[in-house]
Amino acid sequence: MEERLKVLVIDDEEGFCELFESLLRKEGFEVHTTTDPQEGLELVREGEIDIVFLDLRMPDVDGLTLLKSIKQHDENIVV
């Protein structure tokens, strides 16, 4: 059995997360979503994520700062 790529969607809009999750699951990806940037960073740190889709404009968190934190943890992760 082929291992599915694990995708993380981080967006403050829950509806966008749900839509993206539905579309990606139909394409065979394992999908995790969160509206909490800190939770998303923790999921990346656990080492179970291959690809991250990230909203750059979220309240309380600068998406570029979060991007830098993700890349500091894993410079090879696709964001």
PDB file of N, CA and C in Angstrom:
ATOM      1  N   MET A   1       0.842  -1.186   0.000  1.00  0.00           N
ATOM      2  CA  MET A   1       0.000   0.000   0.000  1.00  0.00           C
ATOM      3  C   MET A   1       0.884   1.245   0.000  1.00  0.00           C
ATOM      4  N   GLU A   2       0.571   2.175  -0.860  1.00  0.00           N
ATOM      5  CA  GLU A   2       1.343   3.399  -0.991  1.00  0.00           C
ATOM      6  C   GLU A   2       1.011   4.364   0.145  1.00  0.00           C
ATOM      7  N   GLU A   3       2.051   4.951   0.743  1.00  0.00           N
ATOM      8  CA  GLU A   3       1.835   5.911   1.828  1.00  0.00           C
ATOM      9  C   GLU A   3       1.366   7.239   1.244  1.00  0.00           C
ATOM     10  N   ARG A   4       0.321   7.786   1.848  1.00  0.00           N
ATOM     11  CA  ARG A   4      -0.225   9.056   1.380  1.00  0.00           C
ATOM     12  C   ARG A   4       0.573  10.220   1.958  1.00  0.00           C
ATOM     13  N   LEU A   5       0.732  11.274   1.169  1.00  0.00           N
ATOM     14  CA  LEU A   5       1.378  12.480   1.670  1.00  0.00           C
ATOM     15  C   LEU A   5       0.480  13.136   2.707  1.00  0.00           C
ATOM     16  N   LYS A   6       1.100  13.671   3.746  1.00  0.00           N
ATOM     17  CA  LYS A   6       0.369  14.328   4.825  1.00  0.00           C
ATOM     18  C   LYS A   6       0.417  15.839   4.614  1.00  0.00           C
ATOM     19  N   VAL A   7      -0.756  16.431   4.499  1.00  0.00           N
ATOM     20  CA  VAL A   7      -0.885  17.855   4.217  1.00  0.00           C
ATOM     21  C   VAL A   7      -1.498  18.546   5.428  1.00  0.00           C
ATOM     22  N   LEU A   8      -0.961  19.722   5.745  1.00  0.00           N
ATOM     23  CA  LEU A   8      -1.500  20.551   6.819  1.00  0.00           C
ATOM     24  C   LEU A   8      -1.988  21.858   6.220  1.00  0.00           C
ATOM     25  N   VAL A   9      -3.220  22.238   6.557  1.00  0.00           N
ATOM     26  CA  VAL A   9      -3.787  23.517   6.139  1.00  0.00           C
ATOM     27  C   VAL A   9      -3.941  24.376   7.389  1.00  0.00           C
ATOM     28  N   ILE A  10      -3.297  25.550   7.385  1.00  0.00           N
ATOM     29  CA  ILE A  10      -3.405  26.493   8.500  1.00  0.00           C
ATOM     30  C   ILE A  10      -4.070  27.752   7.967  1.00  0.00           C
ATOM     31  N   ASP A  11      -5.280  28.027   8.438  1.00  0.00           N
ATOM     32  CA  ASP A  11      -6.026  29.205   7.997  1.00  0.00           C
ATOM     33  C   ASP A  11      -6.998  29.599   9.099  1.00  0.00           C
ATOM     34  N   ASP A  12      -7.151  30.895   9.330  1.00  0.00           N
ATOM     35  CA  ASP A  12      -8.047  31.353  10.388  1.00  0.00           C
ATOM     36  C   ASP A  12      -9.514  31.201  10.013  1.00  0.00           C
ATOM     37  N   GLU A  13      -9.812  30.955   8.748  1.00  0.00           N
ATOM     38  CA  GLU A  13     -11.196  30.774   8.310  1.00  0.00           C
ATOM     39  C   GLU A  13     -11.517  29.282   8.244  1.00  0.00           C
ATOM     40  N   GLU A  14     -12.360  28.832   9.159  1.00  0.00           N
ATOM     41  CA  GLU A  14     -12.691  27.408   9.254  1.00  0.00           C
ATOM     42  C   GLU A  14     -13.311  26.867   7.964  1.00  0.00           C
ATOM     43  N   GLY A  15     -14.133  27.674   7.318  1.00  0.00           N
ATOM     44  CA  GLY A  15     -14.765  27.243   6.073  1.00  0.00           C
ATOM     45  C   GLY A  15     -13.749  26.943   4.985  1.00  0.00           C
ATOM     46  N   PHE A  16     -12.699  27.750   4.917  1.00  0.00           N
ATOM     47  CA  PHE A  16     -11.642  27.501   3.939  1.00  0.00           C
ATOM     48  C   PHE A  16     -10.929  26.195   4.263  1.00  0.00           C
ATOM     49  N   CYS A  17     -10.659  25.964   5.550  1.00  0.00           N
ATOM     50  CA  CYS A  17     -10.008  24.712   5.962  1.00  0.00           C
ATOM     51  C   CYS A  17     -10.844  23.508   5.548  1.00  0.00           C
ATOM     52  N   GLU A  18     -12.148  23.583   5.776  1.00  0.00           N
ATOM     53  CA  GLU A  18     -13.040  22.473   5.439  1.00  0.00           C
ATOM     54  C   GLU A  18     -13.079  22.227   3.932  1.00  0.00           C
ATOM     55  N   LEU A  19     -13.146  23.295   3.154  1.00  0.00           N
ATOM     56  CA  LEU A  19     -13.170  23.165   1.697  1.00  0.00           C
ATOM     57  C   LEU A  19     -11.871  22.545   1.188  1.00  0.00           C
ATOM     58  N   PHE A  20     -10.751  23.074   1.657  1.00  0.00           N
ATOM     59  CA  PHE A  20      -9.453  22.568   1.230  1.00  0.00           C
ATOM     60  C   PHE A  20      -9.293  21.107   1.629  1.00  0.00           C
ATOM     61  N   GLU A  21      -9.735  20.765   2.847  1.00  0.00           N
ATOM     62  CA  GLU A  21      -9.649  19.381   3.315  1.00  0.00           C
ATOM     63  C   GLU A  21     -10.428  18.449   2.391  1.00  0.00           C
ATOM     64  N   SER A  22     -11.632  18.838   2.043  1.00  0.00           N
ATOM     65  CA  SER A  22     -12.469  18.016   1.169  1.00  0.00           C
ATOM     66  C   SER A  22     -11.805  17.797  -0.194  1.00  0.00           C
ATOM     67  N   LEU A  23     -11.300  18.861  -0.775  1.00  0.00           N
ATOM     68  CA  LEU A  23     -10.656  18.758  -2.090  1.00  0.00           C
ATOM     69  C   LEU A  23      -9.403  17.888  -2.046  1.00  0.00           C
ATOM     70  N   LEU A  24      -8.590  18.068  -1.023  1.00  0.00           N
ATOM     71  CA  LEU A  24      -7.339  17.310  -0.933  1.00  0.00           C
ATOM     72  C   LEU A  24      -7.581  15.834  -0.620  1.00  0.00           C
ATOM     73  N   ARG A  25      -8.569  15.542   0.226  1.00  0.00           N
ATOM     74  CA  ARG A  25      -8.885  14.140   0.532  1.00  0.00           C
ATOM     75  C   ARG A  25      -9.352  13.402  -0.724  1.00  0.00           C
ATOM     76  N   LYS A  26     -10.127  14.080  -1.555  1.00  0.00           N
ATOM     77  CA  LYS A  26     -10.586  13.465  -2.810  1.00  0.00           C
ATOM     78  C   LYS A  26      -9.414  13.103  -3.711  1.00  0.00           C
ATOM     79  N   GLU A  27      -8.310  13.820  -3.565  1.00  0.00           N
ATOM     80  CA  GLU A  27      -7.107  13.551  -4.365  1.00  0.00           C
ATOM     81  C   GLU A  27      -6.184  12.540  -3.697  1.00  0.00           C
ATOM     82  N   GLY A  28      -6.591  12.031  -2.527  1.00  0.00           N
ATOM     83  CA  GLY A  28      -5.836  10.965  -1.888  1.00  0.00           C
ATOM     84  C   GLY A  28      -4.842  11.386  -0.825  1.00  0.00           C
ATOM     85  N   PHE A  29      -4.858  12.655  -0.439  1.00  0.00           N
ATOM     86  CA  PHE A  29      -3.950  13.120   0.603  1.00  0.00           C
ATOM     87  C   PHE A  29      -4.528  12.853   1.988  1.00  0.00           C
ATOM     88  N   GLU A  30      -3.655  12.667   2.959  1.00  0.00           N
ATOM     89  CA  GLU A  30      -4.062  12.667   4.364  1.00  0.00           C
ATOM     90  C   GLU A  30      -3.997  14.122   4.802  1.00  0.00           C
ATOM     91  N   VAL A  31      -5.106  14.655   5.311  1.00  0.00           N
ATOM     92  CA  VAL A  31      -5.192  16.096   5.564  1.00  0.00           C
ATOM     93  C   VAL A  31      -5.457  16.388   7.036  1.00  0.00           C
ATOM     94  N   HIS A  32      -4.705  17.354   7.551  1.00  0.00           N
ATOM     95  CA  HIS A  32      -4.918  17.903   8.887  1.00  0.00           C
ATOM     96  C   HIS A  32      -5.190  19.391   8.697  1.00  0.00           C
ATOM     97  N   THR A  33      -6.133  19.929   9.464  1.00  0.00           N
ATOM     98  CA  THR A  33      -6.415  21.361   9.374  1.00  0.00           C
ATOM     99  C   THR A  33      -6.433  21.963  10.765  1.00  0.00           C
ATOM    100  N   THR A  34      -6.126  23.252  10.817  1.00  0.00           N
ATOM    101  CA  THR A  34      -6.237  23.976  12.070  1.00  0.00           C
ATOM    102  C   THR A  34      -6.426  25.459  11.785  1.00  0.00           C
ATOM    103  N   THR A  35      -7.173  26.110  12.657  1.00  0.00           N
ATOM    104  CA  THR A  35      -7.308  27.560  12.597  1.00  0.00           C
ATOM    105  C   THR A  35      -6.356  28.219  13.586  1.00  0.00           C
ATOM    106  N   ASP A  36      -5.602  27.418  14.310  1.00  0.00           N
ATOM    107  CA  ASP A  36      -4.669  27.899  15.334  1.00  0.00           C
ATOM    108  C   ASP A  36      -3.227  27.742  14.841  1.00  0.00           C
ATOM    109  N   PRO A  37      -2.552  28.839  14.526  1.00  0.00           N
ATOM    110  CA  PRO A  37      -1.183  28.754  14.015  1.00  0.00           C
ATOM    111  C   PRO A  37      -0.221  28.016  14.952  1.00  0.00           C
ATOM    112  N   GLN A  38      -0.374  28.173  16.252  1.00  0.00           N
ATOM    113  CA  GLN A  38       0.512  27.482  17.199  1.00  0.00           C
ATOM    114  C   GLN A  38       0.314  25.970  17.121  1.00  0.00           C
ATOM    115  N   GLU A  39      -0.931  25.546  16.989  1.00  0.00           N
ATOM    116  CA  GLU A  39      -1.215  24.116  16.834  1.00  0.00           C
ATOM    117  C   GLU A  39      -0.590  23.596  15.539  1.00  0.00           C
ATOM    118  N   GLY A  40      -0.678  24.389  14.483  1.00  0.00           N
ATOM    119  CA  GLY A  40      -0.071  23.998  13.218  1.00  0.00           C
ATOM    120  C   GLY A  40       1.432  23.830  13.337  1.00  0.00           C
ATOM    121  N   LEU A  41       2.071  24.750  14.039  1.00  0.00           N
ATOM    122  CA  LEU A  41       3.517  24.665  14.243  1.00  0.00           C
ATOM    123  C   LEU A  41       3.873  23.419  15.042  1.00  0.00           C
ATOM    124  N   GLU A  42       3.067  23.079  16.025  1.00  0.00           N
ATOM    125  CA  GLU A  42       3.305  21.858  16.812  1.00  0.00           C
ATOM    126  C   GLU A  42       3.187  20.610  15.938  1.00  0.00           C
ATOM    127  N   LEU A  43       2.204  20.582  15.046  1.00  0.00           N
ATOM    128  CA  LEU A  43       2.060  19.439  14.135  1.00  0.00           C
ATOM    129  C   LEU A  43       3.284  19.294  13.239  1.00  0.00           C
ATOM    130  N   VAL A  44       3.811  20.414  12.775  1.00  0.00           N
ATOM    131  CA  VAL A  44       5.029  20.374  11.958  1.00  0.00           C
ATOM    132  C   VAL A  44       6.191  19.848  12.790  1.00  0.00           C
ATOM    133  N   ARG A  45       6.301  20.313  14.011  1.00  0.00           N
ATOM    134  CA  ARG A  45       7.405  19.894  14.886  1.00  0.00           C
ATOM    135  C   ARG A  45       7.350  18.404  15.212  1.00  0.00           C
ATOM    136  N   GLU A  46       6.158  17.829  15.197  1.00  0.00           N
ATOM    137  CA  GLU A  46       6.020  16.395  15.454  1.00  0.00           C
ATOM    138  C   GLU A  46       6.565  15.567  14.289  1.00  0.00           C
ATOM    139  N   GLY A  47       6.811  16.214  13.153  1.00  0.00           N
ATOM    140  CA  GLY A  47       7.455  15.544  12.032  1.00  0.00           C
ATOM    141  C   GLY A  47       6.554  14.699  11.165  1.00  0.00           C
ATOM    142  N   GLU A  48       5.262  14.904  11.235  1.00  0.00           N
ATOM    143  CA  GLU A  48       4.326  14.068  10.484  1.00  0.00           C
ATOM    144  C   GLU A  48       3.759  14.758   9.248  1.00  0.00           C
ATOM    145  N   ILE A  49       4.261  15.941   8.901  1.00  0.00           N
ATOM    146  CA  ILE A  49       3.677  16.723   7.815  1.00  0.00           C
ATOM    147  C   ILE A  49       4.657  16.819   6.651  1.00  0.00           C
ATOM    148  N   ASP A  50       4.134  16.619   5.425  1.00  0.00           N
ATOM    149  CA  ASP A  50       4.954  16.721   4.216  1.00  0.00           C
ATOM    150  C   ASP A  50       4.784  18.065   3.504  1.00  0.00           C
ATOM    151  N   ILE A  51       3.551  18.582   3.520  1.00  0.00           N
ATOM    152  CA  ILE A  51       3.220  19.812   2.789  1.00  0.00           C
ATOM    153  C   ILE A  51       2.357  20.697   3.684  1.00  0.00           C
ATOM    154  N   VAL A  52       2.618  22.020   3.664  1.00  0.00           N
ATOM    155  CA  VAL A  52       1.817  22.970   4.439  1.00  0.00           C
ATOM    156  C   VAL A  52       1.225  24.014   3.501  1.00  0.00           C
ATOM    157  N   PHE A  53      -0.091  24.230   3.623  1.00  0.00           N
ATOM    158  CA  PHE A  53      -0.757  25.359   2.987  1.00  0.00           C
ATOM    159  C   PHE A  53      -1.038  26.350   4.101  1.00  0.00           C
ATOM    160  N   LEU A  54      -0.559  27.576   3.939  1.00  0.00           N
ATOM    161  CA  LEU A  54      -0.542  28.542   5.027  1.00  0.00           C
ATOM    162  C   LEU A  54      -1.138  29.867   4.581  1.00  0.00           C
ATOM    163  N   ASP A  55      -2.090  30.370   5.360  1.00  0.00           N
ATOM    164  CA  ASP A  55      -2.644  31.703   5.150  1.00  0.00           C
ATOM    165  C   ASP A  55      -1.624  32.713   5.670  1.00  0.00           C
ATOM    166  N   LEU A  56      -1.222  33.652   4.843  1.00  0.00           N
ATOM    167  CA  LEU A  56      -0.230  34.639   5.277  1.00  0.00           C
ATOM    168  C   LEU A  56      -0.849  35.786   6.061  1.00  0.00           C
ATOM    169  N   ARG A  57      -2.164  35.956   5.964  1.00  0.00           N
ATOM    170  CA  ARG A  57      -2.845  37.061   6.654  1.00  0.00           C
ATOM    171  C   ARG A  57      -3.834  36.503   7.667  1.00  0.00           C
ATOM    172  N   MET A  58      -3.339  36.322   8.880  1.00  0.00           N
ATOM    173  CA  MET A  58      -4.190  35.835   9.963  1.00  0.00           C
ATOM    174  C   MET A  58      -4.142  36.831  11.110  1.00  0.00           C
ATOM    175  N   PRO A  59      -5.237  36.960  11.842  1.00  0.00           N
ATOM    176  CA  PRO A  59      -5.206  37.862  12.992  1.00  0.00           C
ATOM    177  C   PRO A  59      -4.264  37.325  14.065  1.00  0.00           C
ATOM    178  N   ASP A  60      -3.574  38.210  14.714  1.00  0.00           N
ATOM    179  CA  ASP A  60      -2.687  37.891  15.844  1.00  0.00           C
ATOM    180  C   ASP A  60      -1.385  37.211  15.446  1.00  0.00           C
ATOM    181  N   VAL A  61      -1.277  36.693  14.228  1.00  0.00           N
ATOM    182  CA  VAL A  61      -0.050  36.008  13.813  1.00  0.00           C
ATOM    183  C   VAL A  61       0.302  36.434  12.391  1.00  0.00           C
ATOM    184  N   ASP A  62       1.533  36.860  12.211  1.00  0.00           N
ATOM    185  CA  ASP A  62       2.028  37.185  10.884  1.00  0.00           C
ATOM    186  C   ASP A  62       2.395  35.881  10.186  1.00  0.00           C
ATOM    187  N   GLY A  63       1.758  35.608   9.060  1.00  0.00           N
ATOM    188  CA  GLY A  63       2.000  34.367   8.346  1.00  0.00           C
ATOM    189  C   GLY A  63       3.447  34.179   7.918  1.00  0.00           C
ATOM    190  N   LEU A  64       4.132  35.280   7.599  1.00  0.00           N
ATOM    191  CA  LEU A  64       5.540  35.169   7.208  1.00  0.00           C
ATOM    192  C   LEU A  64       6.411  34.740   8.383  1.00  0.00           C
ATOM    193  N   THR A  65       6.081  35.220   9.572  1.00  0.00           N
ATOM    194  CA  THR A  65       6.812  34.797  10.768  1.00  0.00           C
ATOM    195  C   THR A  65       6.586  33.313  11.019  1.00  0.00           C
ATOM    196  N   LEU A  66       5.350  32.865  10.860  1.00  0.00           N
ATOM    197  CA  LEU A  66       5.041  31.443  11.023  1.00  0.00           C
ATOM    198  C   LEU A  66       5.771  30.613   9.963  1.00  0.00           C
ATOM    199  N   LEU A  67       5.814  31.112   8.747  1.00  0.00           N
ATOM    200  CA  LEU A  67       6.543  30.432   7.675  1.00  0.00           C
ATOM    201  C   LEU A  67       8.015  30.260   8.050  1.00  0.00           C
ATOM    202  N   LYS A  68       8.628  31.307   8.569  1.00  0.00           N
ATOM    203  CA  LYS A  68      10.034  31.231   8.983  1.00  0.00           C
ATOM    204  C   LYS A  68      10.222  30.202  10.089  1.00  0.00           C
ATOM    205  N   SER A  69       9.286  30.154  11.037  1.00  0.00           N
ATOM    206  CA  SER A  69       9.370  29.175  12.130  1.00  0.00           C
ATOM    207  C   SER A  69       9.270  27.750  11.595  1.00  0.00           C
ATOM    208  N   ILE A  70       8.381  27.545  10.644  1.00  0.00           N
ATOM    209  CA  ILE A  70       8.228  26.218  10.040  1.00  0.00           C
ATOM    210  C   ILE A  70       9.516  25.825   9.325  1.00  0.00           C
ATOM    211  N   LYS A  71      10.071  26.739   8.539  1.00  0.00           N
ATOM    212  CA  LYS A  71      11.289  26.450   7.780  1.00  0.00           C
ATOM    213  C   LYS A  71      12.504  26.266   8.692  1.00  0.00           C
ATOM    214  N   GLN A  72      12.528  26.950   9.849  1.00  0.00           N
ATOM    215  CA  GLN A  72      13.622  26.752  10.799  1.00  0.00           C
ATOM    216  C   GLN A  72      13.592  25.339  11.356  1.00  0.00           C
ATOM    217  N   HIS A  73      12.396  24.820  11.523  1.00  0.00           N
ATOM    218  CA  HIS A  73      12.268  23.456  12.041  1.00  0.00           C
ATOM    219  C   HIS A  73      12.609  22.421  10.968  1.00  0.00           C
ATOM    220  N   ASP A  74      12.113  22.646   9.754  1.00  0.00           N
ATOM    221  CA  ASP A  74      12.334  21.692   8.660  1.00  0.00           C
ATOM    222  C   ASP A  74      12.487  22.473   7.364  1.00  0.00           C
ATOM    223  N   GLU A  75      13.716  22.721   6.967  1.00  0.00           N
ATOM    224  CA  GLU A  75      13.954  23.545   5.776  1.00  0.00           C
ATOM    225  C   GLU A  75      13.507  22.871   4.484  1.00  0.00           C
ATOM    226  N   ASN A  76      13.254  21.569   4.517  1.00  0.00           N
ATOM    227  CA  ASN A  76      12.849  20.842   3.312  1.00  0.00           C
ATOM    228  C   ASN A  76      11.343  20.706   3.147  1.00  0.00           C
ATOM    229  N   ILE A  77      10.576  21.119   4.151  1.00  0.00           N
ATOM    230  CA  ILE A  77       9.125  20.992   4.062  1.00  0.00           C
ATOM    231  C   ILE A  77       8.601  21.928   2.971  1.00  0.00           C
ATOM    232  N   VAL A  78       7.621  21.465   2.234  1.00  0.00           N
ATOM    233  CA  VAL A  78       7.029  22.258   1.159  1.00  0.00           C
ATOM    234  C   VAL A  78       5.932  23.126   1.757  1.00  0.00           C
ATOM    235  N   VAL A  79       6.072  24.448   1.592  1.00  0.00           N
ATOM    236  CA  VAL A  79       5.079  25.392   2.122  1.00  0.00           C
ATOM    237  C   VAL A  79       4.586  26.251   0.985  1.00  0.00           C
TER     238      VAL A  79
END
